Amino acid sequence: MKTIMKAALTSLALMLALPACAQSKPAPNPNDADPALWVVKDADTTIYLFGTIHVLKPGLTWFDEAVKSAFDKSDQLVLEMVQPDPATMQQIVLKNGIVTTGPTLTEQLPADKRGAYLKAMTDAGLPAPAFDKMKPWLAAVTLSLAPIQKLGYDPKNGPETVLADAAKAANKPVAGLETAEQQIGYFNGLSQQAQIQFLTSTVDELPKAGEEMAKMVDEWAHGDPDALARDMNESLKDSPEVAKTLLTDRNARWATWIKERMAKPGTVFMAVGAGHLAGTDSVQAQLAKQGITAQRIQY
């Protein structure tokens, strides 16, 4: 179930502020990244599809070459969501992720998992009592972010922030495919069993979080969606509920959004988590079911 944790790290880390096929190619230098880019077009509409890693370390160069060219040609930026201000986001999280009655979070965990959970909290420098009123999904996401933040990964360096700032500077409108309430709602709507599984698998994989994150960033930087699909999405089949909620259903909705947007002229730069543009249930695969072909841009 380690892929559930990866989904939190790469597809939804940003929201809490708190990844067609091609061969991998070596980057010219350690800081140069050439992430995958696709395009869907007809006579008067062009939509670029760019996969992101929501949190990155500083210094990685990706906003250049074909990615920058596609962005510059676009009239609009479309993200998974437009990030609310921190106070608003905190209110949404607290409203949906905190419960004031019932058993504590520690008490909800299987007895054989409580020790590892409490150790993980201590290792992360987080106070376990402060988490006892959290729903399992919120504790899982918070825990999953702690080790990578210590390693220097930050949403401020992520493509969404960079792209949103560039759009603002260029006076390009920015729209979201989803709202913050919707994204939080996907987690909040998971069954109790799925949430507990999410938390316990996160705890199990925490020691490897830095290693796994570095691997995914490397695959993203080398423009290798096949590898990202293997690492991020394949194991989700072990949890159909999580896969359906966080991946497949959203990909299908976004493909429908693209199809409907193709009816209007213009050029759009659409940036979503790279895991949504990889694997057998990707946005591109969902588009193909509707007779629309997404072409990989080679650069």
C-alpha atoms as a PDB file:
ATOM      1  CA  MET A   1       0.000   0.000   0.000  1.00  0.00           C
ATOM      2  CA  LYS A   2       2.965   2.323  -0.247  1.00  0.00           C
ATOM      3  CA  THR A   3       1.491   3.895  -3.373  1.00  0.00           C
ATOM      4  CA  ILE A   4      -1.270   5.459  -1.279  1.00  0.00           C
ATOM      5  CA  MET A   5       1.396   7.371   0.558  1.00  0.00           C
ATOM      6  CA  LYS A   6       2.960   8.397  -2.755  1.00  0.00           C
ATOM      7  CA  ALA A   7      -0.385   9.678  -3.904  1.00  0.00           C
ATOM      8  CA  ALA A   8      -0.479  11.947  -0.878  1.00  0.00           C
ATOM      9  CA  LEU A   9       3.060  13.122  -1.451  1.00  0.00           C
ATOM     10  CA  THR A  10       2.618  13.958  -5.112  1.00  0.00           C
ATOM     11  CA  SER A  11      -1.028  14.498  -5.911  1.00  0.00           C
ATOM     12  CA  LEU A  12      -2.343  16.248  -2.820  1.00  0.00           C
ATOM     13  CA  ALA A  13       0.582  17.673  -0.890  1.00  0.00           C
ATOM     14  CA  LEU A  14       0.013  21.062  -2.467  1.00  0.00           C
ATOM     15  CA  MET A  15      -3.553  21.418  -1.303  1.00  0.00           C
ATOM     16  CA  LEU A  16      -2.511  21.126   2.333  1.00  0.00           C
ATOM     17  CA  ALA A  17       0.456  23.412   1.816  1.00  0.00           C
ATOM     18  CA  LEU A  18       1.187  22.244   5.044  1.00  0.00           C
ATOM     19  CA  PRO A  19       3.204  12.149 -11.055  1.00  0.00           C
ATOM     20  CA  ALA A  20       1.702   8.161 -23.951  1.00  0.00           C
ATOM     21  CA  CYS A  21       4.978   6.597 -23.425  1.00  0.00           C
ATOM     22  CA  ALA A  22       8.537   7.573 -24.110  1.00  0.00           C
ATOM     23  CA  GLN A  23      12.012   6.345 -23.272  1.00  0.00           C
ATOM     24  CA  SER A  24      13.841   7.959 -20.379  1.00  0.00           C
ATOM     25  CA  LYS A  25      16.731  10.181 -21.362  1.00  0.00           C
ATOM     26  CA  PRO A  26      19.656  11.430 -19.287  1.00  0.00           C
ATOM     27  CA  ALA A  27      19.562  15.050 -18.228  1.00  0.00           C
ATOM     28  CA  PRO A  28      22.484  17.207 -19.388  1.00  0.00           C
ATOM     29  CA  ASN A  29      23.227  18.247 -15.805  1.00  0.00           C
ATOM     30  CA  PRO A  30      21.895  17.357 -12.354  1.00  0.00           C
ATOM     31  CA  ASN A  31      19.741  20.480 -12.134  1.00  0.00           C
ATOM     32  CA  ASP A  32      18.169  20.281 -15.601  1.00  0.00           C
ATOM     33  CA  ALA A  33      14.729  18.690 -15.814  1.00  0.00           C
ATOM     34  CA  ASP A  34      12.741  17.879 -18.945  1.00  0.00           C
ATOM     35  CA  PRO A  35       9.352  16.699 -17.628  1.00  0.00           C
ATOM     36  CA  ALA A  36       6.780  15.225 -19.977  1.00  0.00           C
ATOM     37  CA  LEU A  37       4.418  17.457 -21.932  1.00  0.00           C
ATOM     38  CA  TRP A  38       1.480  16.539 -24.166  1.00  0.00           C
ATOM     39  CA  VAL A  39      -0.849  18.481 -26.440  1.00  0.00           C
ATOM     40  CA  VAL A  40      -4.447  18.047 -27.585  1.00  0.00           C
ATOM     41  CA  LYS A  41      -5.543  20.217 -30.491  1.00  0.00           C
ATOM     42  CA  ASP A  42      -8.047  20.806 -33.244  1.00  0.00           C
ATOM     43  CA  ALA A  43      -8.491  23.588 -35.774  1.00  0.00           C
ATOM     44  CA  ASP A  44      -8.920  26.410 -33.266  1.00  0.00           C
ATOM     45  CA  THR A  45      -8.155  24.959 -29.809  1.00  0.00           C
ATOM     46  CA  THR A  46      -4.904  23.822 -28.210  1.00  0.00           C
ATOM     47  CA  ILE A  47      -4.629  22.336 -24.721  1.00  0.00           C
ATOM     48  CA  TYR A  48      -1.213  21.490 -23.293  1.00  0.00           C
ATOM     49  CA  LEU A  49      -1.092  18.792 -20.591  1.00  0.00           C
ATOM     50  CA  PHE A  50       1.769  19.118 -18.131  1.00  0.00           C
ATOM     51  CA  GLY A  51       2.403  16.740 -15.236  1.00  0.00           C
ATOM     52  CA  THR A  52       3.748  18.229 -12.010  1.00  0.00           C
ATOM     53  CA  ILE A  53       5.419  17.202  -8.787  1.00  0.00           C
ATOM     54  CA  HIS A  54       3.735  19.455  -6.238  1.00  0.00           C
ATOM     55  CA  VAL A  55       6.717  19.849  -3.916  1.00  0.00           C
ATOM     56  CA  LEU A  56      10.315  20.251  -5.106  1.00  0.00           C
ATOM     57  CA  LYS A  57      13.679  21.264  -3.744  1.00  0.00           C
ATOM     58  CA  PRO A  58      15.057  24.590  -4.983  1.00  0.00           C
ATOM     59  CA  GLY A  59      17.393  24.723  -7.949  1.00  0.00           C
ATOM     60  CA  LEU A  60      15.762  22.279 -10.380  1.00  0.00           C
ATOM     61  CA  THR A  61      15.415  23.894 -13.811  1.00  0.00           C
ATOM     62  CA  TRP A  62      12.235  22.817 -15.604  1.00  0.00           C
ATOM     63  CA  PHE A  63      10.389  26.004 -16.610  1.00  0.00           C
ATOM     64  CA  ASP A  64      12.209  26.434 -19.915  1.00  0.00           C
ATOM     65  CA  GLU A  65      12.374  24.945 -23.426  1.00  0.00           C
ATOM     66  CA  ALA A  66       9.101  23.367 -24.598  1.00  0.00           C
ATOM     67  CA  VAL A  67       7.335  23.851 -21.258  1.00  0.00           C
ATOM     68  CA  LYS A  68       7.987  27.590 -21.177  1.00  0.00           C
ATOM     69  CA  SER A  69       7.148  27.921 -24.862  1.00  0.00           C
ATOM     70  CA  ALA A  70       3.806  26.170 -24.388  1.00  0.00           C
ATOM     71  CA  PHE A  71       3.003  28.307 -21.363  1.00  0.00           C
ATOM     72  CA  ASP A  72       3.882  31.520 -23.196  1.00  0.00           C
ATOM     73  CA  LYS A  73       1.578  30.564 -26.088  1.00  0.00           C
ATOM     74  CA  SER A  74      -1.342  29.883 -23.771  1.00  0.00           C
ATOM     75  CA  ASP A  75      -4.171  32.267 -22.968  1.00  0.00           C
ATOM     76  CA  GLN A  76      -5.062  30.594 -19.682  1.00  0.00           C
ATOM     77  CA  LEU A  77      -3.544  28.463 -16.923  1.00  0.00           C
ATOM     78  CA  VAL A  78      -5.635  25.618 -15.507  1.00  0.00           C
ATOM     79  CA  LEU A  79      -4.550  23.856 -12.294  1.00  0.00           C
ATOM     80  CA  GLU A  80      -6.057  21.105 -10.173  1.00  0.00           C
ATOM     81  CA  MET A  81      -7.263  23.916  -7.944  1.00  0.00           C
ATOM     82  CA  VAL A  82      -6.567  27.556  -7.223  1.00  0.00           C
ATOM     83  CA  GLN A  83      -4.921  27.636  -3.806  1.00  0.00           C
ATOM     84  CA  PRO A  84      -6.975  29.583  -1.225  1.00  0.00           C
ATOM     85  CA  ASP A  85      -5.284  31.884   1.233  1.00  0.00           C
ATOM     86  CA  PRO A  86      -3.749  30.016   4.209  1.00  0.00           C
ATOM     87  CA  ALA A  87      -6.451  31.054   6.683  1.00  0.00           C
ATOM     88  CA  THR A  88      -9.239  29.852   4.405  1.00  0.00           C
ATOM     89  CA  MET A  89      -7.423  26.599   3.697  1.00  0.00           C
ATOM     90  CA  GLN A  90      -6.898  26.002   7.405  1.00  0.00           C
ATOM     91  CA  GLN A  91     -10.594  26.512   8.071  1.00  0.00           C
ATOM     92  CA  ILE A  92     -11.527  23.984   5.372  1.00  0.00           C
ATOM     93  CA  VAL A  93      -9.076  21.418   6.731  1.00  0.00           C
ATOM     94  CA  LEU A  94     -10.179  21.874  10.336  1.00  0.00           C
ATOM     95  CA  LYS A  95     -13.864  21.671   9.402  1.00  0.00           C
ATOM     96  CA  ASN A  96     -13.386  18.383   7.559  1.00  0.00           C
ATOM     97  CA  GLY A  97     -10.424  16.785   9.292  1.00  0.00           C
ATOM     98  CA  ILE A  98     -11.094  17.260  13.012  1.00  0.00           C
ATOM     99  CA  VAL A  99     -13.602  15.444  15.240  1.00  0.00           C
ATOM    100  CA  THR A 100     -14.300  16.486  18.824  1.00  0.00           C
ATOM    101  CA  THR A 101     -16.114  13.393  20.066  1.00  0.00           C
ATOM    102  CA  GLY A 102     -15.534   9.669  20.045  1.00  0.00           C
ATOM    103  CA  PRO A 103     -12.366   7.610  20.464  1.00  0.00           C
ATOM    104  CA  THR A 104      -8.977   9.205  19.942  1.00  0.00           C
ATOM    105  CA  LEU A 105      -7.056   8.546  16.762  1.00  0.00           C
ATOM    106  CA  THR A 106      -4.607   6.303  18.628  1.00  0.00           C
ATOM    107  CA  GLU A 107      -7.523   4.268  19.986  1.00  0.00           C
ATOM    108  CA  GLN A 108      -8.925   3.820  16.478  1.00  0.00           C
ATOM    109  CA  LEU A 109      -5.747   2.180  15.216  1.00  0.00           C
ATOM    110  CA  PRO A 110      -5.240  -1.602  15.352  1.00  0.00           C
ATOM    111  CA  ALA A 111      -3.446  -2.459  18.584  1.00  0.00           C
ATOM    112  CA  ASP A 112      -0.419  -3.838  16.732  1.00  0.00           C
ATOM    113  CA  LYS A 113       0.025  -0.541  14.846  1.00  0.00           C
ATOM    114  CA  ARG A 114      -0.155   1.920  17.721  1.00  0.00           C
ATOM    115  CA  GLY A 115       3.464   1.617  18.790  1.00  0.00           C
ATOM    116  CA  ALA A 116       4.795   2.294  15.288  1.00  0.00           C
ATOM    117  CA  TYR A 117       2.401   5.235  14.916  1.00  0.00           C
ATOM    118  CA  LEU A 118       3.508   6.851  18.178  1.00  0.00           C
ATOM    119  CA  LYS A 119       7.171   6.296  17.276  1.00  0.00           C
ATOM    120  CA  ALA A 120       6.610   7.914  13.888  1.00  0.00           C
ATOM    121  CA  MET A 121       5.075  10.935  15.586  1.00  0.00           C
ATOM    122  CA  THR A 122       8.022  11.231  17.953  1.00  0.00           C
ATOM    123  CA  ASP A 123      10.567  10.829  15.143  1.00  0.00           C
ATOM    124  CA  ALA A 124       8.826  13.573  13.178  1.00  0.00           C
ATOM    125  CA  GLY A 125       8.820  15.886  16.183  1.00  0.00           C
ATOM    126  CA  LEU A 126       5.018  15.984  16.217  1.00  0.00           C
ATOM    127  CA  PRO A 127       2.943  15.846  19.426  1.00  0.00           C
ATOM    128  CA  ALA A 128       0.743  12.747  19.362  1.00  0.00           C
ATOM    129  CA  PRO A 129      -1.956  14.265  21.644  1.00  0.00           C
ATOM    130  CA  ALA A 130      -2.457  17.110  19.154  1.00  0.00           C
ATOM    131  CA  PHE A 131      -3.336  14.510  16.503  1.00  0.00           C
ATOM    132  CA  ASP A 132      -5.835  12.563  18.594  1.00  0.00           C
ATOM    133  CA  LYS A 133      -8.801  14.560  17.277  1.00  0.00           C
ATOM    134  CA  MET A 134      -7.666  14.293  13.658  1.00  0.00           C
ATOM    135  CA  LYS A 135      -9.362  11.995  11.200  1.00  0.00           C
ATOM    136  CA  PRO A 136      -6.965   9.294   9.986  1.00  0.00           C
ATOM    137  CA  TRP A 137      -6.605  10.801   6.498  1.00  0.00           C
ATOM    138  CA  LEU A 138      -5.425  14.152   7.869  1.00  0.00           C
ATOM    139  CA  ALA A 139      -2.919  12.521  10.205  1.00  0.00           C
ATOM    140  CA  ALA A 140      -1.636  10.421   7.294  1.00  0.00           C
ATOM    141  CA  VAL A 141      -1.091  13.374   4.966  1.00  0.00           C
ATOM    142  CA  THR A 142       0.495  15.470   7.719  1.00  0.00           C
ATOM    143  CA  LEU A 143       2.838  12.636   8.664  1.00  0.00           C
ATOM    144  CA  SER A 144       3.758  11.940   5.033  1.00  0.00           C
ATOM    145  CA  LEU A 145       4.771  15.559   4.472  1.00  0.00           C
ATOM    146  CA  ALA A 146       6.914  15.900   7.596  1.00  0.00           C
ATOM    147  CA  PRO A 147      10.015  13.964   6.422  1.00  0.00           C
ATOM    148  CA  ILE A 148      10.117  15.424   2.917  1.00  0.00           C
ATOM    149  CA  GLN A 149       9.726  18.965   4.226  1.00  0.00           C
ATOM    150  CA  LYS A 150      12.746  18.357   6.454  1.00  0.00           C
ATOM    151  CA  LEU A 151      14.666  17.339   3.307  1.00  0.00           C
ATOM    152  CA  GLY A 152      13.906  20.676   1.649  1.00  0.00           C
ATOM    153  CA  TYR A 153      10.879  19.853  -0.500  1.00  0.00           C
ATOM    154  CA  ASP A 154       8.519  22.796  -0.545  1.00  0.00           C
ATOM    155  CA  PRO A 155       5.319  23.708  -2.456  1.00  0.00           C
ATOM    156  CA  LYS A 156       6.876  27.155  -2.988  1.00  0.00           C
ATOM    157  CA  ASN A 157       9.298  25.480  -5.404  1.00  0.00           C
ATOM    158  CA  GLY A 158       6.598  23.334  -6.997  1.00  0.00           C
ATOM    159  CA  PRO A 159       5.407  23.931 -10.548  1.00  0.00           C
ATOM    160  CA  GLU A 160       1.943  25.091  -9.465  1.00  0.00           C
ATOM    161  CA  THR A 161       3.379  28.005  -7.512  1.00  0.00           C
ATOM    162  CA  VAL A 162       5.863  28.882 -10.256  1.00  0.00           C
ATOM    163  CA  LEU A 163       3.207  28.691 -12.961  1.00  0.00           C
ATOM    164  CA  ALA A 164       0.645  30.670 -10.960  1.00  0.00           C
ATOM    165  CA  ASP A 165       3.195  33.414 -10.311  1.00  0.00           C
ATOM    166  CA  ALA A 166       4.143  33.480 -14.007  1.00  0.00           C
ATOM    167  CA  ALA A 167       0.476  33.674 -15.001  1.00  0.00           C
ATOM    168  CA  LYS A 168      -0.092  36.564 -12.632  1.00  0.00           C
ATOM    169  CA  ALA A 169       2.924  38.411 -14.031  1.00  0.00           C
ATOM    170  CA  ALA A 170       1.664  37.850 -17.585  1.00  0.00           C
ATOM    171  CA  ASN A 171      -1.948  38.723 -16.714  1.00  0.00           C
ATOM    172  CA  LYS A 172      -3.145  35.246 -17.708  1.00  0.00           C
ATOM    173  CA  PRO A 173      -6.348  34.044 -16.023  1.00  0.00           C
ATOM    174  CA  VAL A 174      -5.979  31.043 -13.712  1.00  0.00           C
ATOM    175  CA  ALA A 175      -8.753  28.497 -13.186  1.00  0.00           C
ATOM    176  CA  GLY A 176      -9.103  25.324 -11.125  1.00  0.00           C
ATOM    177  CA  LEU A 177     -10.538  21.977 -12.163  1.00  0.00           C
ATOM    178  CA  GLU A 178     -11.622  21.467  -8.560  1.00  0.00           C
ATOM    179  CA  THR A 179     -12.112  23.522  -5.419  1.00  0.00           C
ATOM    180  CA  ALA A 180     -10.245  23.099  -2.155  1.00  0.00           C
ATOM    181  CA  GLU A 181     -13.472  21.830  -0.590  1.00  0.00           C
ATOM    182  CA  GLN A 182     -13.738  19.150  -3.274  1.00  0.00           C
ATOM    183  CA  GLN A 183     -10.145  17.999  -2.876  1.00  0.00           C
ATOM    184  CA  ILE A 184     -10.435  17.772   0.907  1.00  0.00           C
ATOM    185  CA  GLY A 185     -13.758  16.047   0.379  1.00  0.00           C
ATOM    186  CA  TYR A 186     -12.137  13.195  -1.555  1.00  0.00           C
ATOM    187  CA  PHE A 187     -10.133  12.263   1.529  1.00  0.00           C
ATOM    188  CA  ASN A 188     -12.956  12.990   3.931  1.00  0.00           C
ATOM    189  CA  GLY A 189     -15.295  10.781   1.927  1.00  0.00           C
ATOM    190  CA  LEU A 190     -13.088   7.695   2.214  1.00  0.00           C
ATOM    191  CA  SER A 191     -14.465   4.958   4.434  1.00  0.00           C
ATOM    192  CA  GLN A 192     -13.065   4.612   7.943  1.00  0.00           C
ATOM    193  CA  GLN A 193     -11.368   1.373   6.896  1.00  0.00           C
ATOM    194  CA  ALA A 194      -9.655   3.036   3.936  1.00  0.00           C
ATOM    195  CA  GLN A 195      -8.544   5.969   6.091  1.00  0.00           C
ATOM    196  CA  ILE A 196      -7.027   3.694   8.729  1.00  0.00           C
ATOM    197  CA  GLN A 197      -5.264   1.700   6.024  1.00  0.00           C
ATOM    198  CA  PHE A 198      -3.984   4.957   4.556  1.00  0.00           C
ATOM    199  CA  LEU A 199      -2.541   5.998   7.916  1.00  0.00           C
ATOM    200  CA  THR A 200      -0.969   2.655   8.837  1.00  0.00           C
ATOM    201  CA  SER A 201       0.622   2.224   5.399  1.00  0.00           C
ATOM    202  CA  THR A 202       1.984   5.767   5.647  1.00  0.00           C
ATOM    203  CA  VAL A 203       3.580   4.942   8.995  1.00  0.00           C
ATOM    204  CA  ASP A 204       5.090   1.755   7.541  1.00  0.00           C
ATOM    205  CA  GLU A 205       6.661   3.638   4.628  1.00  0.00           C
ATOM    206  CA  LEU A 206       7.881   6.764   6.435  1.00  0.00           C
ATOM    207  CA  PRO A 207      11.510   5.535   6.747  1.00  0.00           C
ATOM    208  CA  LYS A 208      11.711   5.375   2.939  1.00  0.00           C
ATOM    209  CA  ALA A 209       9.831   8.606   2.224  1.00  0.00           C
ATOM    210  CA  GLY A 210      12.913  10.593   1.233  1.00  0.00           C
ATOM    211  CA  GLU A 211      14.222   7.817  -0.993  1.00  0.00           C
ATOM    212  CA  GLU A 212      10.869   7.325  -2.697  1.00  0.00           C
ATOM    213  CA  MET A 213      10.370  11.043  -3.234  1.00  0.00           C
ATOM    214  CA  ALA A 214      13.820  11.431  -4.775  1.00  0.00           C
ATOM    215  CA  LYS A 215      13.093   8.540  -7.129  1.00  0.00           C
ATOM    216  CA  MET A 216       9.810  10.038  -8.292  1.00  0.00           C
ATOM    217  CA  VAL A 217      11.336  13.465  -8.838  1.00  0.00           C
ATOM    218  CA  ASP A 218      14.106  11.864 -10.891  1.00  0.00           C
ATOM    219  CA  GLU A 219      11.575  10.005 -13.041  1.00  0.00           C
ATOM    220  CA  TRP A 220       9.600  13.207 -13.505  1.00  0.00           C
ATOM    221  CA  ALA A 221      12.732  15.190 -14.375  1.00  0.00           C
ATOM    222  CA  HIS A 222      13.696  12.595 -16.996  1.00  0.00           C
ATOM    223  CA  GLY A 223      10.245  12.685 -18.576  1.00  0.00           C
ATOM    224  CA  ASP A 224       9.502   9.029 -17.849  1.00  0.00           C
ATOM    225  CA  PRO A 225       5.740   8.623 -17.284  1.00  0.00           C
ATOM    226  CA  ASP A 226       5.971   4.830 -17.528  1.00  0.00           C
ATOM    227  CA  ALA A 227       8.221   4.707 -14.483  1.00  0.00           C
ATOM    228  CA  LEU A 228       5.982   7.150 -12.641  1.00  0.00           C
ATOM    229  CA  ALA A 229       2.981   4.972 -13.401  1.00  0.00           C
ATOM    230  CA  ARG A 230       4.740   1.919 -12.007  1.00  0.00           C
ATOM    231  CA  ASP A 231       5.819   3.722  -8.856  1.00  0.00           C
ATOM    232  CA  MET A 232       2.761   5.835  -8.171  1.00  0.00           C
ATOM    233  CA  ASN A 233      -0.333   4.202  -9.533  1.00  0.00           C
ATOM    234  CA  GLU A 234       0.118   0.462  -9.995  1.00  0.00           C
ATOM    235  CA  SER A 235      -0.272  -0.566  -6.365  1.00  0.00           C
ATOM    236  CA  LEU A 236      -3.461   1.444  -6.011  1.00  0.00           C
ATOM    237  CA  LYS A 237      -5.219  -1.586  -7.447  1.00  0.00           C
ATOM    238  CA  ASP A 238      -4.771  -3.080  -3.953  1.00  0.00           C
ATOM    239  CA  SER A 239      -7.171  -0.418  -2.648  1.00  0.00           C
ATOM    240  CA  PRO A 240      -9.985   0.010  -5.186  1.00  0.00           C
ATOM    241  CA  GLU A 241     -11.732   2.653  -3.101  1.00  0.00           C
ATOM    242  CA  VAL A 242      -8.691   4.915  -2.915  1.00  0.00           C
ATOM    243  CA  ALA A 243      -7.817   4.353  -6.585  1.00  0.00           C
ATOM    244  CA  LYS A 244     -11.333   5.192  -7.715  1.00  0.00           C
ATOM    245  CA  THR A 245     -11.642   8.284  -5.521  1.00  0.00           C
ATOM    246  CA  LEU A 246      -8.202   9.858  -5.923  1.00  0.00           C
ATOM    247  CA  LEU A 247      -7.265   8.766  -9.422  1.00  0.00           C
ATOM    248  CA  THR A 248      -9.667   7.126 -11.864  1.00  0.00           C
ATOM    249  CA  ASP A 249     -12.801   9.190 -11.260  1.00  0.00           C
ATOM    250  CA  ARG A 250     -10.896  12.451 -11.304  1.00  0.00           C
ATOM    251  CA  ASN A 251      -9.055  11.537 -14.500  1.00  0.00           C
ATOM    252  CA  ALA A 252     -12.364  10.775 -16.198  1.00  0.00           C
ATOM    253  CA  ARG A 253     -13.867  14.091 -15.068  1.00  0.00           C
ATOM    254  CA  TRP A 254     -10.833  16.013 -16.268  1.00  0.00           C
ATOM    255  CA  ALA A 255     -10.932  14.283 -19.652  1.00  0.00           C
ATOM    256  CA  THR A 256     -14.558  15.342 -19.992  1.00  0.00           C
ATOM    257  CA  TRP A 257     -13.565  18.902 -19.071  1.00  0.00           C
ATOM    258  CA  ILE A 258     -10.934  18.856 -21.829  1.00  0.00           C
ATOM    259  CA  LYS A 259     -13.417  17.516 -24.381  1.00  0.00           C
ATOM    260  CA  GLU A 260     -15.900  20.259 -23.521  1.00  0.00           C
ATOM    261  CA  ARG A 261     -13.189  22.921 -23.575  1.00  0.00           C
ATOM    262  CA  MET A 262     -12.170  21.810 -27.074  1.00  0.00           C
ATOM    263  CA  ALA A 263     -15.484  23.213 -28.286  1.00  0.00           C
ATOM    264  CA  LYS A 264     -14.222  26.730 -27.580  1.00  0.00           C
ATOM    265  CA  PRO A 265     -11.264  28.375 -29.366  1.00  0.00           C
ATOM    266  CA  GLY A 266      -8.074  29.336 -27.547  1.00  0.00           C
ATOM    267  CA  THR A 267      -4.922  27.891 -26.004  1.00  0.00           C
ATOM    268  CA  VAL A 268      -4.810  26.442 -22.489  1.00  0.00           C
ATOM    269  CA  PHE A 269      -1.894  25.276 -20.352  1.00  0.00           C
ATOM    270  CA  MET A 270      -3.228  22.606 -17.987  1.00  0.00           C
ATOM    271  CA  ALA A 271      -0.982  21.417 -15.137  1.00  0.00           C
ATOM    272  CA  VAL A 272      -1.989  18.506 -12.892  1.00  0.00           C
ATOM    273  CA  GLY A 273      -0.143  15.974 -10.769  1.00  0.00           C
ATOM    274  CA  ALA A 274       2.050  13.803 -12.980  1.00  0.00           C
ATOM    275  CA  GLY A 275       0.445  10.603 -11.699  1.00  0.00           C
ATOM    276  CA  HIS A 276      -2.755  11.637 -13.467  1.00  0.00           C
ATOM    277  CA  LEU A 277      -0.929  11.655 -16.809  1.00  0.00           C
ATOM    278  CA  ALA A 278       0.609   8.201 -16.398  1.00  0.00           C
ATOM    279  CA  GLY A 279      -0.662   4.635 -16.480  1.00  0.00           C
ATOM    280  CA  THR A 280      -3.615   2.773 -17.940  1.00  0.00           C
ATOM    281  CA  ASP A 281      -6.230   5.050 -16.329  1.00  0.00           C
ATOM    282  CA  SER A 282      -4.482   8.326 -17.191  1.00  0.00           C
ATOM    283  CA  VAL A 283      -6.229  11.432 -18.455  1.00  0.00           C
ATOM    284  CA  GLN A 284      -4.837  10.624 -21.913  1.00  0.00           C
ATOM    285  CA  ALA A 285      -6.355   7.127 -21.744  1.00  0.00           C
ATOM    286  CA  GLN A 286      -9.694   8.608 -20.716  1.00  0.00           C
ATOM    287  CA  LEU A 287      -9.471  11.059 -23.628  1.00  0.00           C
ATOM    288  CA  ALA A 288      -8.779   8.187 -26.031  1.00  0.00           C
ATOM    289  CA  LYS A 289     -12.057   6.562 -24.942  1.00  0.00           C
ATOM    290  CA  GLN A 290     -13.749   9.736 -26.172  1.00  0.00           C
ATOM    291  CA  GLY A 291     -11.897   9.676 -29.474  1.00  0.00           C
ATOM    292  CA  ILE A 292      -9.379  12.384 -28.554  1.00  0.00           C
ATOM    293  CA  THR A 293      -5.637  11.842 -28.997  1.00  0.00           C
ATOM    294  CA  ALA A 294      -3.041  13.473 -26.770  1.00  0.00           C
ATOM    295  CA  GLN A 295       0.363  13.702 -28.473  1.00  0.00           C
ATOM    296  CA  ARG A 296       3.639  13.724 -26.531  1.00  0.00           C
ATOM    297  CA  ILE A 297       5.775  16.760 -27.341  1.00  0.00           C
ATOM    298  CA  GLN A 298       9.389  15.699 -27.818  1.00  0.00           C
ATOM    299  CA  TYR A 299      12.057  18.169 -26.793  1.00  0.00           C
END
